[in-house]
Amino acid sequence: MGAALGWGALAASSLLIGAALGLERSWPDRAIGVVLAVAIICTLATVGGFAVADTASGDLKATIDGFAAGALLVMLIDSMISEAARKGGRIAGLVTVLGFAVAAALSGVA
Protein backbone atom coordinates (compact mmCIF):
# COMPACT_ATOMS: atom_id res chain seq x y z
CA MET A 1 0.00 0.00 0.00
CA GLY A 2 2.96 2.30 0.59
CA ALA A 3 3.98 2.01 -3.06
CA ALA A 4 0.44 2.95 -4.11
CA LEU A 5 0.55 6.07 -2.01
CA GLY A 6 3.97 6.93 -3.43
CA TRP A 7 2.83 6.59 -7.05
CA GLY A 8 -0.38 8.46 -6.29
CA ALA A 9 1.59 11.26 -4.69
CA LEU A 10 3.87 11.38 -7.72
CA ALA A 11 0.92 11.64 -10.11
CA ALA A 12 -0.76 14.29 -8.00
CA SER A 13 2.41 16.31 -7.56
CA SER A 14 3.08 16.26 -11.29
CA LEU A 15 -0.37 17.65 -11.97
CA LEU A 16 -0.05 20.25 -9.22
CA ILE A 17 3.37 21.39 -10.46
CA GLY A 18 1.95 21.74 -13.95
CA ALA A 19 -0.97 23.72 -12.57
CA ALA A 20 1.34 25.95 -10.56
CA LEU A 21 3.49 26.65 -13.60
CA GLY A 22 0.35 27.42 -15.54
CA LEU A 23 -0.61 30.05 -13.00
CA GLU A 24 2.07 32.32 -14.46
CA ARG A 25 -0.52 33.26 -17.03
CA SER A 26 -4.13 33.85 -16.19
CA TRP A 27 -6.21 30.71 -16.18
CA PRO A 28 -9.91 30.54 -15.49
CA ASP A 29 -10.79 29.23 -12.03
CA ARG A 30 -12.64 26.36 -13.67
CA ALA A 31 -9.47 25.08 -15.37
CA ILE A 32 -7.56 25.12 -12.10
CA GLY A 33 -10.42 23.28 -10.41
CA VAL A 34 -10.40 20.66 -13.15
CA VAL A 35 -6.66 20.10 -12.76
CA LEU A 36 -7.01 19.72 -8.99
CA ALA A 37 -9.95 17.34 -9.45
CA VAL A 38 -7.93 15.22 -11.88
CA ALA A 39 -5.03 15.13 -9.40
CA ILE A 40 -7.31 13.91 -6.63
CA ILE A 41 -8.99 11.32 -8.87
CA CYS A 42 -5.60 10.03 -10.08
CA THR A 43 -4.39 9.66 -6.51
CA LEU A 44 -7.51 7.77 -5.44
CA ALA A 45 -7.44 5.58 -8.57
CA THR A 46 -3.81 4.68 -7.93
CA VAL A 47 -4.47 3.66 -4.34
CA GLY A 48 -7.59 1.74 -5.36
CA GLY A 49 -5.82 0.06 -8.25
CA PHE A 50 -3.01 -1.20 -6.06
CA ALA A 51 -5.50 -2.47 -3.48
CA VAL A 52 -7.46 -4.37 -6.14
CA ALA A 53 -4.29 -5.73 -7.74
CA ASP A 54 -3.17 -7.17 -4.42
CA THR A 55 -6.36 -9.23 -4.13
CA ALA A 56 -6.90 -10.06 -7.82
CA SER A 57 -6.60 -13.58 -9.18
CA GLY A 58 -4.16 -14.51 -11.91
CA ASP A 59 -6.93 -14.61 -14.51
CA LEU A 60 -8.12 -11.12 -13.63
CA LYS A 61 -4.56 -9.79 -13.79
CA ALA A 62 -4.14 -11.41 -17.23
CA THR A 63 -7.38 -9.78 -18.41
CA ILE A 64 -6.23 -6.39 -17.13
CA ASP A 65 -2.85 -6.83 -18.84
CA GLY A 66 -4.58 -7.76 -22.10
CA PHE A 67 -6.81 -4.69 -21.92
CA ALA A 68 -3.81 -2.48 -21.18
CA ALA A 69 -1.89 -3.97 -24.10
CA GLY A 70 -4.83 -3.29 -26.41
CA ALA A 71 -5.09 0.27 -25.16
CA LEU A 72 -1.38 0.75 -25.79
CA LEU A 73 -1.73 -0.50 -29.34
CA VAL A 74 -4.67 1.84 -29.97
CA MET A 75 -2.68 4.79 -28.62
CA LEU A 76 0.29 3.82 -30.74
CA ILE A 77 -1.76 3.61 -33.91
CA ASP A 78 -3.86 6.73 -33.28
CA SER A 79 -1.18 9.15 -32.14
CA MET A 80 2.26 7.89 -33.07
CA ILE A 81 1.63 6.26 -36.42
CA SER A 82 -0.91 8.70 -37.78
CA GLU A 83 1.07 9.33 -40.96
CA ALA A 84 1.10 5.63 -41.81
CA ALA A 85 -2.64 5.49 -41.21
CA ARG A 86 -3.18 8.52 -43.47
CA LYS A 87 -1.12 7.09 -46.29
CA GLY A 88 -1.97 3.41 -45.79
CA GLY A 89 -5.61 3.77 -44.86
CA ARG A 90 -7.46 1.66 -42.34
CA ILE A 91 -5.40 -1.43 -43.11
CA ALA A 92 -2.31 0.16 -41.52
CA GLY A 93 -3.72 -0.39 -38.02
CA LEU A 94 -4.56 -4.02 -38.66
CA VAL A 95 -1.15 -4.74 -40.17
CA THR A 96 0.58 -3.09 -37.22
CA VAL A 97 -1.40 -5.13 -34.70
CA LEU A 98 -0.64 -8.30 -36.66
CA GLY A 99 3.02 -7.33 -36.60
CA PHE A 100 2.89 -7.02 -32.83
CA ALA A 101 1.13 -10.38 -32.59
CA VAL A 102 3.81 -12.06 -34.69
CA ALA A 103 6.53 -10.44 -32.58
CA ALA A 104 4.83 -11.67 -29.38
CA ALA A 105 4.48 -15.17 -30.83
CA LEU A 106 8.11 -15.27 -31.89
CA SER A 107 9.28 -14.06 -28.48
CA GLY A 108 7.30 -16.89 -26.89
CA VAL A 109 9.02 -19.44 -29.16
CA ALA A 110 12.52 -18.32 -28.24
C-alpha atoms as a PDB file:
ATOM      1  CA  MET A   1       0.000   0.000   0.000  1.00  0.00           C
ATOM      2  CA  GLY A   2       2.964   2.299   0.586  1.00  0.00           C
ATOM      3  CA  ALA A   3       3.975   2.013  -3.060  1.00  0.00           C
ATOM      4  CA  ALA A   4       0.443   2.947  -4.112  1.00  0.00           C
ATOM      5  CA  LEU A   5       0.549   6.066  -2.011  1.00  0.00           C
ATOM      6  CA  GLY A   6       3.967   6.931  -3.430  1.00  0.00           C
ATOM      7  CA  TRP A   7       2.831   6.591  -7.045  1.00  0.00           C
ATOM      8  CA  GLY A   8      -0.376   8.456  -6.294  1.00  0.00           C
ATOM      9  CA  ALA A   9       1.591  11.265  -4.688  1.00  0.00           C
ATOM     10  CA  LEU A  10       3.870  11.382  -7.722  1.00  0.00           C
ATOM     11  CA  ALA A  11       0.917  11.638 -10.113  1.00  0.00           C
ATOM     12  CA  ALA A  12      -0.758  14.290  -7.996  1.00  0.00           C
ATOM     13  CA  SER A  13       2.410  16.308  -7.555  1.00  0.00           C
ATOM     14  CA  SER A  14       3.077  16.260 -11.293  1.00  0.00           C
ATOM     15  CA  LEU A  15      -0.368  17.654 -11.968  1.00  0.00           C
ATOM     16  CA  LEU A  16      -0.047  20.245  -9.218  1.00  0.00           C
ATOM     17  CA  ILE A  17       3.367  21.386 -10.457  1.00  0.00           C
ATOM     18  CA  GLY A  18       1.945  21.744 -13.955  1.00  0.00           C
ATOM     19  CA  ALA A  19      -0.970  23.716 -12.574  1.00  0.00           C
ATOM     20  CA  ALA A  20       1.339  25.950 -10.557  1.00  0.00           C
ATOM     21  CA  LEU A  21       3.488  26.649 -13.601  1.00  0.00           C
ATOM     22  CA  GLY A  22       0.347  27.415 -15.543  1.00  0.00           C
ATOM     23  CA  LEU A  23      -0.606  30.050 -12.999  1.00  0.00           C
ATOM     24  CA  GLU A  24       2.071  32.324 -14.457  1.00  0.00           C
ATOM     25  CA  ARG A  25      -0.516  33.263 -17.033  1.00  0.00           C
ATOM     26  CA  SER A  26      -4.128  33.853 -16.186  1.00  0.00           C
ATOM     27  CA  TRP A  27      -6.209  30.708 -16.180  1.00  0.00           C
ATOM     28  CA  PRO A  28      -9.911  30.544 -15.485  1.00  0.00           C
ATOM     29  CA  ASP A  29     -10.787  29.228 -12.035  1.00  0.00           C
ATOM     30  CA  ARG A  30     -12.643  26.363 -13.667  1.00  0.00           C
ATOM     31  CA  ALA A  31      -9.469  25.084 -15.372  1.00  0.00           C
ATOM     32  CA  ILE A  32      -7.561  25.122 -12.099  1.00  0.00           C
ATOM     33  CA  GLY A  33     -10.418  23.278 -10.414  1.00  0.00           C
ATOM     34  CA  VAL A  34     -10.403  20.657 -13.151  1.00  0.00           C
ATOM     35  CA  VAL A  35      -6.659  20.105 -12.760  1.00  0.00           C
ATOM     36  CA  LEU A  36      -7.011  19.724  -8.995  1.00  0.00           C
ATOM     37  CA  ALA A  37      -9.947  17.336  -9.447  1.00  0.00           C
ATOM     38  CA  VAL A  38      -7.930  15.220 -11.875  1.00  0.00           C
ATOM     39  CA  ALA A  39      -5.026  15.134  -9.398  1.00  0.00           C
ATOM     40  CA  ILE A  40      -7.311  13.907  -6.628  1.00  0.00           C
ATOM     41  CA  ILE A  41      -8.993  11.324  -8.871  1.00  0.00           C
ATOM     42  CA  CYS A  42      -5.602  10.029 -10.078  1.00  0.00           C
ATOM     43  CA  THR A  43      -4.391   9.655  -6.514  1.00  0.00           C
ATOM     44  CA  LEU A  44      -7.512   7.774  -5.444  1.00  0.00           C
ATOM     45  CA  ALA A  45      -7.439   5.582  -8.575  1.00  0.00           C
ATOM     46  CA  THR A  46      -3.806   4.678  -7.928  1.00  0.00           C
ATOM     47  CA  VAL A  47      -4.469   3.665  -4.340  1.00  0.00           C
ATOM     48  CA  GLY A  48      -7.593   1.741  -5.360  1.00  0.00           C
ATOM     49  CA  GLY A  49      -5.817   0.056  -8.249  1.00  0.00           C
ATOM     50  CA  PHE A  50      -3.005  -1.198  -6.064  1.00  0.00           C
ATOM     51  CA  ALA A  51      -5.503  -2.466  -3.484  1.00  0.00           C
ATOM     52  CA  VAL A  52      -7.462  -4.365  -6.144  1.00  0.00           C
ATOM     53  CA  ALA A  53      -4.288  -5.729  -7.741  1.00  0.00           C
ATOM     54  CA  ASP A  54      -3.166  -7.175  -4.419  1.00  0.00           C
ATOM     55  CA  THR A  55      -6.356  -9.231  -4.127  1.00  0.00           C
ATOM     56  CA  ALA A  56      -6.901 -10.062  -7.819  1.00  0.00           C
ATOM     57  CA  SER A  57      -6.604 -13.576  -9.182  1.00  0.00           C
ATOM     58  CA  GLY A  58      -4.156 -14.506 -11.908  1.00  0.00           C
ATOM     59  CA  ASP A  59      -6.927 -14.609 -14.514  1.00  0.00           C
ATOM     60  CA  LEU A  60      -8.115 -11.117 -13.628  1.00  0.00           C
ATOM     61  CA  LYS A  61      -4.558  -9.792 -13.794  1.00  0.00           C
ATOM     62  CA  ALA A  62      -4.143 -11.407 -17.231  1.00  0.00           C
ATOM     63  CA  THR A  63      -7.385  -9.778 -18.406  1.00  0.00           C
ATOM     64  CA  ILE A  64      -6.235  -6.386 -17.135  1.00  0.00           C
ATOM     65  CA  ASP A  65      -2.851  -6.830 -18.837  1.00  0.00           C
ATOM     66  CA  GLY A  66      -4.577  -7.757 -22.105  1.00  0.00           C
ATOM     67  CA  PHE A  67      -6.812  -4.694 -21.917  1.00  0.00           C
ATOM     68  CA  ALA A  68      -3.807  -2.483 -21.178  1.00  0.00           C
ATOM     69  CA  ALA A  69      -1.895  -3.968 -24.103  1.00  0.00           C
ATOM     70  CA  GLY A  70      -4.825  -3.294 -26.415  1.00  0.00           C
ATOM     71  CA  ALA A  71      -5.095   0.271 -25.162  1.00  0.00           C
ATOM     72  CA  LEU A  72      -1.382   0.748 -25.785  1.00  0.00           C
ATOM     73  CA  LEU A  73      -1.731  -0.497 -29.343  1.00  0.00           C
ATOM     74  CA  VAL A  74      -4.672   1.838 -29.966  1.00  0.00           C
ATOM     75  CA  MET A  75      -2.681   4.790 -28.616  1.00  0.00           C
ATOM     76  CA  LEU A  76       0.295   3.817 -30.745  1.00  0.00           C
ATOM     77  CA  ILE A  77      -1.762   3.610 -33.914  1.00  0.00           C
ATOM     78  CA  ASP A  78      -3.856   6.733 -33.280  1.00  0.00           C
ATOM     79  CA  SER A  79      -1.183   9.148 -32.137  1.00  0.00           C
ATOM     80  CA  MET A  80       2.260   7.891 -33.066  1.00  0.00           C
ATOM     81  CA  ILE A  81       1.632   6.264 -36.421  1.00  0.00           C
ATOM     82  CA  SER A  82      -0.915   8.702 -37.779  1.00  0.00           C
ATOM     83  CA  GLU A  83       1.066   9.330 -40.960  1.00  0.00           C
ATOM     84  CA  ALA A  84       1.097   5.634 -41.808  1.00  0.00           C
ATOM     85  CA  ALA A  85      -2.642   5.489 -41.207  1.00  0.00           C
ATOM     86  CA  ARG A  86      -3.183   8.517 -43.466  1.00  0.00           C
ATOM     87  CA  LYS A  87      -1.122   7.085 -46.290  1.00  0.00           C
ATOM     88  CA  GLY A  88      -1.974   3.407 -45.787  1.00  0.00           C
ATOM     89  CA  GLY A  89      -5.607   3.767 -44.865  1.00  0.00           C
ATOM     90  CA  ARG A  90      -7.460   1.655 -42.335  1.00  0.00           C
ATOM     91  CA  ILE A  91      -5.401  -1.433 -43.110  1.00  0.00           C
ATOM     92  CA  ALA A  92      -2.311   0.162 -41.516  1.00  0.00           C
ATOM     93  CA  GLY A  93      -3.716  -0.386 -38.021  1.00  0.00           C
ATOM     94  CA  LEU A  94      -4.559  -4.016 -38.663  1.00  0.00           C
ATOM     95  CA  VAL A  95      -1.155  -4.743 -40.173  1.00  0.00           C
ATOM     96  CA  THR A  96       0.585  -3.086 -37.218  1.00  0.00           C
ATOM     97  CA  VAL A  97      -1.398  -5.128 -34.699  1.00  0.00           C
ATOM     98  CA  LEU A  98      -0.644  -8.298 -36.658  1.00  0.00           C
ATOM     99  CA  GLY A  99       3.024  -7.332 -36.603  1.00  0.00           C
ATOM    100  CA  PHE A 100       2.890  -7.019 -32.829  1.00  0.00           C
ATOM    101  CA  ALA A 101       1.132 -10.380 -32.586  1.00  0.00           C
ATOM    102  CA  VAL A 102       3.811 -12.064 -34.686  1.00  0.00           C
ATOM    103  CA  ALA A 103       6.534 -10.444 -32.579  1.00  0.00           C
ATOM    104  CA  ALA A 104       4.829 -11.666 -29.383  1.00  0.00           C
ATOM    105  CA  ALA A 105       4.478 -15.172 -30.829  1.00  0.00           C
ATOM    106  CA  LEU A 106       8.113 -15.267 -31.887  1.00  0.00           C
ATOM    107  CA  SER A 107       9.282 -14.055 -28.485  1.00  0.00           C
ATOM    108  CA  GLY A 108       7.299 -16.895 -26.888  1.00  0.00           C
ATOM    109  CA  VAL A 109       9.016 -19.439 -29.159  1.00  0.00           C
ATOM    110  CA  ALA A 110      12.519 -18.322 -28.239  1.00  0.00           C
END
